[in-house]
C-alpha atoms as a PDB file:
ATOM      1  CA  MET A   1       0.023   0.063   0.164  1.00  0.00           C
ATOM      2  CA  GLY A   2       1.354   3.242  -0.932  1.00  0.00           C
ATOM      3  CA  ASP A   3       1.970   6.507   1.117  1.00  0.00           C
ATOM      4  CA  MET A   4      -1.234   8.539   1.656  1.00  0.00           C
ATOM      5  CA  CYS A   5      -1.456  12.367   1.987  1.00  0.00           C
ATOM      6  CA  VAL A   6      -2.852  13.609   5.385  1.00  0.00           C
ATOM      7  CA  HIS A   7      -4.025  17.105   5.847  1.00  0.00           C
ATOM      8  CA  VAL A   8      -4.238  18.271   9.318  1.00  0.00           C
ATOM      9  CA  ALA A   9      -5.864  21.752  10.171  1.00  0.00           C
ATOM     10  CA  ALA A  10      -2.942  24.205  11.494  1.00  0.00           C
ATOM     11  CA  VAL A  11      -4.172  26.775  13.864  1.00  0.00           C
ATOM     12  CA  PHE A  12      -2.992  30.203  13.186  1.00  0.00           C
ATOM     13  CA  PRO A  13      -4.087  33.087  15.423  1.00  0.00           C
ATOM     14  CA  GLY A  14      -6.176  35.418  13.258  1.00  0.00           C
ATOM     15  CA  CYS A  15      -6.554  33.146  10.428  1.00  0.00           C
ATOM     16  CA  CYS A  16     -10.078  32.535   8.964  1.00  0.00           C
ATOM     17  CA  ASP A  17     -12.236  31.437   6.290  1.00  0.00           C
ATOM     18  CA  LYS A  18     -15.450  33.256   7.334  1.00  0.00           C
ATOM     19  CA  THR A  19     -16.531  35.857   9.648  1.00  0.00           C
ATOM     20  CA  GLU A  20     -17.777  33.399  12.298  1.00  0.00           C
ATOM     21  CA  ASP A  21     -14.237  32.127  12.779  1.00  0.00           C
ATOM     22  CA  CYS A  22     -13.196  35.531  14.186  1.00  0.00           C
ATOM     23  CA  VAL A  23     -16.060  36.111  16.841  1.00  0.00           C
ATOM     24  CA  ASP A  24     -14.686  36.115  20.408  1.00  0.00           C
ATOM     25  CA  GLY A  25     -17.797  36.700  22.261  1.00  0.00           C
ATOM     26  CA  SER A  26     -17.091  40.251  23.047  1.00  0.00           C
ATOM     27  CA  PRO A  27     -20.215  42.420  22.601  1.00  0.00           C
ATOM     28  CA  CYS A  28     -17.922  45.552  22.040  1.00  0.00           C
ATOM     29  CA  ALA A  29     -16.292  44.494  19.007  1.00  0.00           C
ATOM     30  CA  GLU A  30     -17.299  43.852  15.458  1.00  0.00           C
ATOM     31  CA  HIS A  31     -15.555  41.156  13.447  1.00  0.00           C
ATOM     32  CA  LEU A  32     -14.984  40.530   9.821  1.00  0.00           C
ATOM     33  CA  CYS A  33     -12.948  37.772   7.891  1.00  0.00           C
ATOM     34  CA  PHE A  34     -11.216  39.506   4.985  1.00  0.00           C
ATOM     35  CA  ALA A  35      -8.614  37.892   2.936  1.00  0.00           C
ATOM     36  CA  HIS A  36      -8.325  35.019   5.512  1.00  0.00           C
ATOM     37  CA  GLU A  37      -7.437  37.625   8.289  1.00  0.00           C
ATOM     38  CA  CYS A  38      -9.664  38.428  11.044  1.00  0.00           C
ATOM     39  CA  LEU A  39     -10.245  42.247  11.375  1.00  0.00           C
ATOM     40  CA  THR A  40     -11.819  43.734  14.510  1.00  0.00           C
ATOM     41  CA  LYS A  41     -13.341  47.158  15.175  1.00  0.00           C
ATOM     42  CA  GLU A  42     -14.356  48.458  18.550  1.00  0.00           C
ATOM     43  CA  VAL A  43     -17.934  49.511  18.790  1.00  0.00           C
ATOM     44  CA  GLU A  44     -18.088  52.867  19.735  1.00  0.00           C
ATOM     45  CA  GLY A  45     -19.660  53.785  23.211  1.00  0.00           C
ATOM     46  CA  CYS A  46     -20.047  50.246  24.357  1.00  0.00           C
ATOM     47  CA  CYS A  47     -18.987  48.902  27.739  1.00  0.00           C
ATOM     48  CA  THR A  48     -19.021  45.673  29.773  1.00  0.00           C
ATOM     49  CA  GLU A  49     -18.388  47.093  33.239  1.00  0.00           C
ATOM     50  CA  ASP A  50     -19.043  50.044  35.260  1.00  0.00           C
ATOM     51  CA  SER A  51     -15.291  51.211  35.353  1.00  0.00           C
ATOM     52  CA  GLU A  52     -15.452  51.990  31.520  1.00  0.00           C
ATOM     53  CA  CYS A  53     -18.092  54.633  31.970  1.00  0.00           C
ATOM     54  CA  GLY A  54     -16.141  57.127  34.060  1.00  0.00           C
ATOM     55  CA  PRO A  55     -16.044  57.566  37.892  1.00  0.00           C
ATOM     56  CA  SER A  56     -19.177  58.193  39.877  1.00  0.00           C
ATOM     57  CA  THR A  57     -19.140  61.428  41.872  1.00  0.00           C
ATOM     58  CA  ALA A  58     -21.407  62.937  44.741  1.00  0.00           C
ATOM     59  CA  CYS A  59     -23.472  64.356  41.919  1.00  0.00           C
ATOM     60  CA  VAL A  60     -23.387  61.805  39.007  1.00  0.00           C
ATOM     61  CA  GLU A  61     -23.781  58.030  39.123  1.00  0.00           C
ATOM     62  CA  SER A  62     -21.904  56.564  36.216  1.00  0.00           C
ATOM     63  CA  TRP A  63     -22.777  52.845  35.281  1.00  0.00           C
ATOM     64  CA  CYS A  64     -22.814  50.279  32.496  1.00  0.00           C
ATOM     65  CA  ASP A  65     -26.121  48.942  31.114  1.00  0.00           C
ATOM     66  CA  LEU A  66     -24.927  45.266  30.704  1.00  0.00           C
ATOM     67  CA  VAL A  67     -28.107  44.489  28.407  1.00  0.00           C
ATOM     68  CA  GLY A  68     -27.546  46.953  25.992  1.00  0.00           C
ATOM     69  CA  HIS A  69     -23.835  47.612  26.792  1.00  0.00           C
ATOM     70  CA  HIS A  70     -24.266  51.481  26.947  1.00  0.00           C
ATOM     71  CA  CYS A  71     -22.880  53.926  29.502  1.00  0.00           C
ATOM     72  CA  HIS A  72     -25.316  55.977  31.716  1.00  0.00           C
ATOM     73  CA  ASN A  73     -24.201  59.122  33.586  1.00  0.00           C
ATOM     74  CA  ASP A  74     -27.090  60.142  35.673  1.00  0.00           C
ATOM     75  CA  THR A  75     -27.221  63.312  37.816  1.00  0.00           C
ATOM     76  CA  LYS A  76     -28.523  62.908  41.118  1.00  0.00           C
ATOM     77  CA  ALA A  77     -32.409  64.028  41.171  1.00  0.00           C
ATOM     78  CA  LEU A  78     -32.861  67.625  42.601  1.00  0.00           C
ATOM     79  CA  GLU A  79     -34.868  66.471  45.741  1.00  0.00           C
ATOM     80  CA  LEU A  80     -31.748  64.172  46.815  1.00  0.00           C
ATOM     81  CA  GLN A  81     -29.368  67.021  46.114  1.00  0.00           C
ATOM     82  CA  LYS A  82     -31.255  69.278  48.622  1.00  0.00           C
ATOM     83  CA  ALA A  83     -31.679  66.511  51.179  1.00  0.00           C
ATOM     84  CA  GLU A  84     -27.778  65.959  51.016  1.00  0.00           C
ATOM     85  CA  GLY A  85     -26.749  69.528  50.763  1.00  0.00           C
ATOM     86  CA  LEU A  86     -25.545  69.245  47.279  1.00  0.00           C
ATOM     87  CA  GLU A  87     -25.704  71.580  44.391  1.00  0.00           C
ATOM     88  CA  CYS A  88     -24.906  69.926  41.197  1.00  0.00           C
ATOM     89  CA  CYS A  89     -24.132  71.570  37.939  1.00  0.00           C
ATOM     90  CA  GLU A  90     -22.802  71.166  34.237  1.00  0.00           C
ATOM     91  CA  GLU A  91     -22.106  74.841  33.834  1.00  0.00           C
ATOM     92  CA  ASP A  92     -21.800  78.231  35.787  1.00  0.00           C
ATOM     93  CA  ALA A  93     -25.218  79.468  34.739  1.00  0.00           C
ATOM     94  CA  ASP A  94     -26.774  76.294  36.916  1.00  0.00           C
ATOM     95  CA  CYS A  95     -25.350  78.250  39.976  1.00  0.00           C
ATOM     96  CA  GLY A  96     -26.595  81.645  39.374  1.00  0.00           C
ATOM     97  CA  PRO A  97     -29.990  83.346  39.649  1.00  0.00           C
ATOM     98  CA  GLY A  98     -32.595  81.176  37.574  1.00  0.00           C
ATOM     99  CA  GLY A  99     -30.327  78.010  38.147  1.00  0.00           C
ATOM    100  CA  LEU A 100     -31.228  74.885  39.833  1.00  0.00           C
ATOM    101  CA  TRP A 101     -31.424  76.282  43.260  1.00  0.00           C
ATOM    102  CA  GLU A 102     -33.759  79.342  44.393  1.00  0.00           C
ATOM    103  CA  GLU A 103     -32.953  79.443  47.985  1.00  0.00           C
ATOM    104  CA  ASP A 104     -30.546  82.596  49.067  1.00  0.00           C
ATOM    105  CA  THR A 105     -28.395  79.883  50.942  1.00  0.00           C
ATOM    106  CA  ASP A 106     -27.133  76.419  50.140  1.00  0.00           C
ATOM    107  CA  GLY A 107     -27.494  73.326  52.267  1.00  0.00           C
ATOM    108  CA  ASP A 108     -24.785  74.280  54.645  1.00  0.00           C
ATOM    109  CA  GLY A 109     -26.121  77.739  55.054  1.00  0.00           C
ATOM    110  CA  ASN A 110     -23.725  79.461  52.934  1.00  0.00           C
ATOM    111  CA  PRO A 111     -24.680  82.418  50.502  1.00  0.00           C
ATOM    112  CA  GLY A 112     -26.592  80.761  47.571  1.00  0.00           C
ATOM    113  CA  PRO A 113     -27.061  81.924  43.950  1.00  0.00           C
ATOM    114  CA  ASP A 114     -29.545  84.745  45.005  1.00  0.00           C
ATOM    115  CA  ASP A 115     -26.993  86.453  46.815  1.00  0.00           C
ATOM    116  CA  PRO A 116     -25.455  89.420  44.755  1.00  0.00           C
ATOM    117  CA  ALA A 117     -22.497  89.377  47.076  1.00  0.00           C
ATOM    118  CA  THR A 118     -21.178  86.065  45.687  1.00  0.00           C
ATOM    119  CA  LEU A 119     -19.279  84.983  42.411  1.00  0.00           C
ATOM    120  CA  ASP A 120     -21.326  81.801  41.693  1.00  0.00           C
ATOM    121  CA  PHE A 121     -19.492  79.179  39.469  1.00  0.00           C
ATOM    122  CA  CYS A 122     -19.458  75.422  38.579  1.00  0.00           C
ATOM    123  CA  MET A 123     -16.183  73.597  39.763  1.00  0.00           C
ATOM    124  CA  ASP A 124     -15.776  69.659  39.440  1.00  0.00           C
ATOM    125  CA  GLY A 125     -19.595  69.300  38.916  1.00  0.00           C
ATOM    126  CA  GLN A 126     -20.756  71.156  42.136  1.00  0.00           C
ATOM    127  CA  CYS A 127     -21.682  74.792  42.520  1.00  0.00           C
ATOM    128  CA  LYS A 128     -19.409  77.212  44.449  1.00  0.00           C
ATOM    129  CA  HIS A 129     -20.094  80.643  45.748  1.00  0.00           C
ATOM    130  CA  ALA A 130     -17.179  82.809  46.447  1.00  0.00           C
ATOM    131  CA  SER A 131     -17.455  86.434  48.025  1.00  0.00           C
ATOM    132  CA  VAL A 132     -16.507  89.232  45.505  1.00  0.00           C
ATOM    133  CA  PRO A 133     -13.396  90.917  46.805  1.00  0.00           C
ATOM    134  CA  ASP A 134     -13.629  94.463  48.047  1.00  0.00           C
ATOM    135  CA  ASP A 135     -10.793  95.471  45.925  1.00  0.00           C
ATOM    136  CA  CYS A 136     -10.811  94.677  42.015  1.00  0.00           C
ATOM    137  CA  ASP A 137      -8.169  92.386  40.709  1.00  0.00           C
ATOM    138  CA  CYS A 138      -8.471  93.883  37.367  1.00  0.00           C
ATOM    139  CA  SER A 139      -9.902  97.417  36.308  1.00  0.00           C
ATOM    140  CA  GLU A 140      -9.501  96.591  32.454  1.00  0.00           C
ATOM    141  CA  ASP A 141      -8.906  93.918  30.001  1.00  0.00           C
ATOM    142  CA  GLY A 142      -5.265  94.740  29.609  1.00  0.00           C
ATOM    143  CA  GLN A 143      -4.371  93.781  33.103  1.00  0.00           C
ATOM    144  CA  CYS A 144      -5.786  90.119  32.471  1.00  0.00           C
ATOM    145  CA  LYS A 145      -3.262  89.338  29.643  1.00  0.00           C
ATOM    146  CA  ASP A 146      -2.120  85.898  30.233  1.00  0.00           C
ATOM    147  CA  ASP A 147       0.321  85.686  27.234  1.00  0.00           C
ATOM    148  CA  ASN A 148      -1.749  82.867  25.809  1.00  0.00           C
ATOM    149  CA  PRO A 149      -2.773  83.636  21.956  1.00  0.00           C
ATOM    150  CA  CYS A 150      -5.434  80.956  22.381  1.00  0.00           C
ATOM    151  CA  THR A 151      -7.535  82.912  25.139  1.00  0.00           C
ATOM    152  CA  PHE A 152      -9.858  85.938  25.255  1.00  0.00           C
ATOM    153  CA  ASP A 153      -8.810  87.775  28.386  1.00  0.00           C
ATOM    154  CA  LEU A 154     -11.569  89.826  30.009  1.00  0.00           C
ATOM    155  CA  CYS A 155     -12.118  91.641  33.279  1.00  0.00           C
ATOM    156  CA  LYS A 156     -15.529  90.957  34.306  1.00  0.00           C
ATOM    157  CA  GLU A 157     -17.865  93.142  36.320  1.00  0.00           C
ATOM    158  CA  ASP A 158     -17.060  91.344  39.388  1.00  0.00           C
ATOM    159  CA  CYS A 159     -13.678  92.369  39.124  1.00  0.00           C
ATOM    160  CA  MET A 160     -12.205  88.970  38.230  1.00  0.00           C
ATOM    161  CA  CYS A 161     -10.211  88.055  35.002  1.00  0.00           C
ATOM    162  CA  THR A 162     -11.520  85.279  32.764  1.00  0.00           C
ATOM    163  CA  HIS A 163      -9.801  83.509  30.120  1.00  0.00           C
ATOM    164  CA  SER A 164     -11.960  81.549  27.577  1.00  0.00           C
ATOM    165  CA  GLN A 165     -10.797  79.641  24.843  1.00  0.00           C
ATOM    166  CA  VAL A 166     -10.517  81.005  21.301  1.00  0.00           C
ATOM    167  CA  PRO A 167     -12.514  78.601  18.790  1.00  0.00           C
ATOM    168  CA  PHE A 168     -10.125  76.487  16.552  1.00  0.00           C
ATOM    169  CA  CYS A 169      -6.925  78.374  18.032  1.00  0.00           C
ATOM    170  CA  CYS A 170      -4.067  76.140  18.501  1.00  0.00           C
ATOM    171  CA  LEU A 171      -0.473  75.987  19.952  1.00  0.00           C
ATOM    172  CA  SER A 172       0.557  72.689  18.511  1.00  0.00           C
ATOM    173  CA  ASP A 173      -1.068  69.818  16.351  1.00  0.00           C
ATOM    174  CA  LYS A 174      -2.316  67.896  19.358  1.00  0.00           C
ATOM    175  CA  ASP A 175      -4.951  71.005  20.039  1.00  0.00           C
ATOM    176  CA  CYS A 176      -6.386  70.389  16.467  1.00  0.00           C
ATOM    177  CA  ASN A 177      -7.954  66.993  16.965  1.00  0.00           C
ATOM    178  CA  ASP A 178     -11.384  67.034  15.624  1.00  0.00           C
ATOM    179  CA  GLY A 179     -12.031  63.238  16.233  1.00  0.00           C
ATOM    180  CA  ASN A 180     -12.295  62.538  12.399  1.00  0.00           C
ATOM    181  CA  VAL A 181      -9.987  59.978  11.348  1.00  0.00           C
ATOM    182  CA  CYS A 182     -10.328  60.822   7.882  1.00  0.00           C
ATOM    183  CA  THR A 183      -8.938  64.519   8.211  1.00  0.00           C
ATOM    184  CA  GLY A 184      -5.409  65.538   8.648  1.00  0.00           C
ATOM    185  CA  ASP A 185      -5.184  67.809  11.718  1.00  0.00           C
ATOM    186  CA  ILE A 186      -2.347  70.606  11.874  1.00  0.00           C
ATOM    187  CA  CYS A 187      -1.910  73.581  13.701  1.00  0.00           C
ATOM    188  CA  VAL A 188      -0.895  76.583  11.380  1.00  0.00           C
ATOM    189  CA  LEU A 189       1.343  78.365  13.957  1.00  0.00           C
ATOM    190  CA  GLN A 190       1.790  81.581  12.004  1.00  0.00           C
ATOM    191  CA  ILE A 191      -2.084  82.304  12.643  1.00  0.00           C
ATOM    192  CA  HIS A 192      -2.484  79.758  15.596  1.00  0.00           C
ATOM    193  CA  HIS A 193      -5.411  78.426  13.766  1.00  0.00           C
ATOM    194  CA  CYS A 194      -6.398  74.589  13.269  1.00  0.00           C
ATOM    195  CA  LYS A 195      -6.479  73.574   9.552  1.00  0.00           C
ATOM    196  CA  PHE A 196      -8.601  70.043   8.930  1.00  0.00           C
ATOM    197  CA  THR A 197      -7.562  68.537   5.577  1.00  0.00           C
ATOM    198  CA  PRO A 198      -9.639  65.701   4.126  1.00  0.00           C
ATOM    199  CA  LEU A 199      -7.300  62.603   3.480  1.00  0.00           C
ATOM    200  CA  SER A 200      -7.630  60.435   0.291  1.00  0.00           C
ATOM    201  CA  CYS A 201      -8.256  56.854   0.775  1.00  0.00           C
ATOM    202  CA  CYS A 202      -9.852  57.196   4.181  1.00  0.00           C
ATOM    203  CA  CYS A 203     -12.935  55.667   5.830  1.00  0.00           C
ATOM    204  CA  GLY A 204     -14.362  55.225   9.279  1.00  0.00           C
ATOM    205  CA  TRP A 205     -17.017  52.678   8.783  1.00  0.00           C
ATOM    206  CA  ASP A 206     -17.574  49.742   6.065  1.00  0.00           C
ATOM    207  CA  SER A 207     -20.567  51.791   4.950  1.00  0.00           C
ATOM    208  CA  ASP A 208     -18.112  54.708   3.913  1.00  0.00           C
ATOM    209  CA  CYS A 209     -16.634  52.147   1.348  1.00  0.00           C
ATOM    210  CA  TYR A 210     -19.801  51.158  -0.540  1.00  0.00           C
ATOM    211  CA  ASP A 211     -19.163  51.326  -4.363  1.00  0.00           C
ATOM    212  CA  GLY A 212     -22.692  50.439  -5.427  1.00  0.00           C
ATOM    213  CA  ASN A 213     -21.596  47.136  -6.885  1.00  0.00           C
ATOM    214  CA  PRO A 214     -23.554  43.979  -5.261  1.00  0.00           C
ATOM    215  CA  CYS A 215     -20.634  41.975  -6.459  1.00  0.00           C
ATOM    216  CA  THR A 216     -17.903  43.230  -4.177  1.00  0.00           C
ATOM    217  CA  LEU A 217     -17.312  42.997  -0.550  1.00  0.00           C
ATOM    218  CA  ASP A 218     -16.604  46.630   0.612  1.00  0.00           C
ATOM    219  CA  ILE A 219     -14.399  46.863   3.795  1.00  0.00           C
ATOM    220  CA  CYS A 220     -12.790  49.777   5.936  1.00  0.00           C
ATOM    221  CA  ALA A 221      -9.692  48.065   6.932  1.00  0.00           C
ATOM    222  CA  PRO A 222      -7.730  49.076  10.136  1.00  0.00           C
ATOM    223  CA  ASP A 223      -5.402  51.382   8.009  1.00  0.00           C
ATOM    224  CA  HIS A 224      -8.799  53.587   7.433  1.00  0.00           C
ATOM    225  CA  CYS A 225      -8.616  52.556   3.589  1.00  0.00           C
ATOM    226  CA  CYS A 226     -11.403  50.922   1.634  1.00  0.00           C
ATOM    227  CA  TYR A 227     -10.836  47.573  -0.065  1.00  0.00           C
ATOM    228  CA  HIS A 228     -13.197  46.022  -2.501  1.00  0.00           C
ATOM    229  CA  SER A 229     -13.015  42.240  -2.898  1.00  0.00           C
ATOM    230  CA  LYS A 230     -14.962  40.350  -5.874  1.00  0.00           C
ATOM    231  CA  THR A 231     -17.494  38.055  -4.168  1.00  0.00           C
ATOM    232  CA  VAL A 232     -17.153  34.533  -5.499  1.00  0.00           C
ATOM    233  CA  GLY A 233     -19.895  33.315  -7.870  1.00  0.00           C
ATOM    234  CA  CYS A 234     -21.495  36.975  -8.054  1.00  0.00           C
ATOM    235  CA  CYS A 235     -22.071  38.300 -11.572  1.00  0.00           C
ATOM    236  CA  LEU A 236     -23.529  41.304 -13.310  1.00  0.00           C
ATOM    237  CA  SER A 237     -24.107  40.065 -16.915  1.00  0.00           C
ATOM    238  CA  ASP A 238     -24.249  36.965 -18.623  1.00  0.00           C
ATOM    239  CA  ASP A 239     -20.764  37.208 -20.260  1.00  0.00           C
ATOM    240  CA  GLU A 240     -19.269  36.646 -16.616  1.00  0.00           C
ATOM    241  CA  CYS A 241     -20.746  33.405 -16.504  1.00  0.00           C
ATOM    242  CA  ASP A 242     -18.966  31.930 -19.303  1.00  0.00           C
ATOM    243  CA  ASP A 243     -17.807  28.417 -18.182  1.00  0.00           C
ATOM    244  CA  CYS A 244     -16.012  27.484 -21.756  1.00  0.00           C
ATOM    245  CA  ASN A 245     -18.685  24.585 -22.105  1.00  0.00           C
ATOM    246  CA  LEU A 246     -20.623  24.756 -25.510  1.00  0.00           C
ATOM    247  CA  CYS A 247     -23.146  22.448 -24.141  1.00  0.00           C
ATOM    248  CA  THR A 248     -24.390  24.895 -21.461  1.00  0.00           C
ATOM    249  CA  GLU A 249     -26.268  28.063 -21.774  1.00  0.00           C
ATOM    250  CA  ASP A 250     -24.821  30.452 -19.127  1.00  0.00           C
ATOM    251  CA  LYS A 251     -26.968  33.088 -17.538  1.00  0.00           C
ATOM    252  CA  CYS A 252     -26.604  35.423 -14.716  1.00  0.00           C
ATOM    253  CA  ILE A 253     -29.649  35.424 -12.633  1.00  0.00           C
ATOM    254  CA  GLU A 254     -29.998  37.625  -9.583  1.00  0.00           C
ATOM    255  CA  TYR A 255     -26.288  38.363  -9.479  1.00  0.00           C
ATOM    256  CA  GLY A 256     -25.536  34.443  -9.615  1.00  0.00           C
ATOM    257  CA  CYS A 257     -24.436  32.360 -12.462  1.00  0.00           C
ATOM    258  CA  VAL A 258     -26.718  29.602 -13.516  1.00  0.00           C
ATOM    259  CA  HIS A 259     -25.346  27.135 -16.291  1.00  0.00           C
ATOM    260  CA  VAL A 260     -28.524  25.325 -18.155  1.00  0.00           C
ATOM    261  CA  PRO A 261     -27.785  22.140 -20.176  1.00  0.00           C
ATOM    262  CA  GLY A 262     -28.351  23.013 -23.721  1.00  0.00           C
ATOM    263  CA  ALA A 263     -28.320  21.437 -27.178  1.00  0.00           C
ATOM    264  CA  CYS A 264     -24.575  20.811 -28.513  1.00  0.00           C
ATOM    265  CA  GLY A 265     -23.450  21.853 -31.878  1.00  0.00           C
ATOM    266  CA  GLY A 266     -22.243  19.044 -34.249  1.00  0.00           C
END
């Protein structure tokens, strides 16, 4: 008896024949088998545990919904804030007149937002009420200059300097991240202005690569470039179905080749 060929399946990490070979059970990843290689893309905003949703604070409870795998950041109800002497906020306007609280004092008996003798502002998610100094720290905008070309420097009516960010102003390229992987983000230092230039061959999702051809698999690869691979057996016209057999009639029906036995020529 002669020798026989034996074919044993070898295991190579990341190697695949179909997308199902790449699934690892993680709810926060999308998988795709492309050219016998497993590609993985993280699902934006997905979570599997509370710690991925940011730290909880006295005012905000951060937790992960393990059914939908989405983060929740819930601000404590107003009734509980008052009961616990908290004054939660997201911006300075929440702490001033007409804000979340209407009392003249907060839970500790300190001056509240309706007291004109306080400077009301939001810090680390809680309202703060600071006494306005008797002597002004500034009397005109020029005294508030911080030598930062990317801030508006103003002297407010409460005699305190404020430094607000100039939109799209930058000091380096890292200040210009627009969150779009398909733009080149650079800082034009001469004018301290961000410039966002669209990149060629770029995508964020597979849907960005759709070419309108039902016979191609359109993939946005990890390098953010589109790839289009021909789907085996798919066709757009009868000409693509020629099997070089004179005894069959070759048809493309609903993007699939069909070979119907026919009369052979003599």
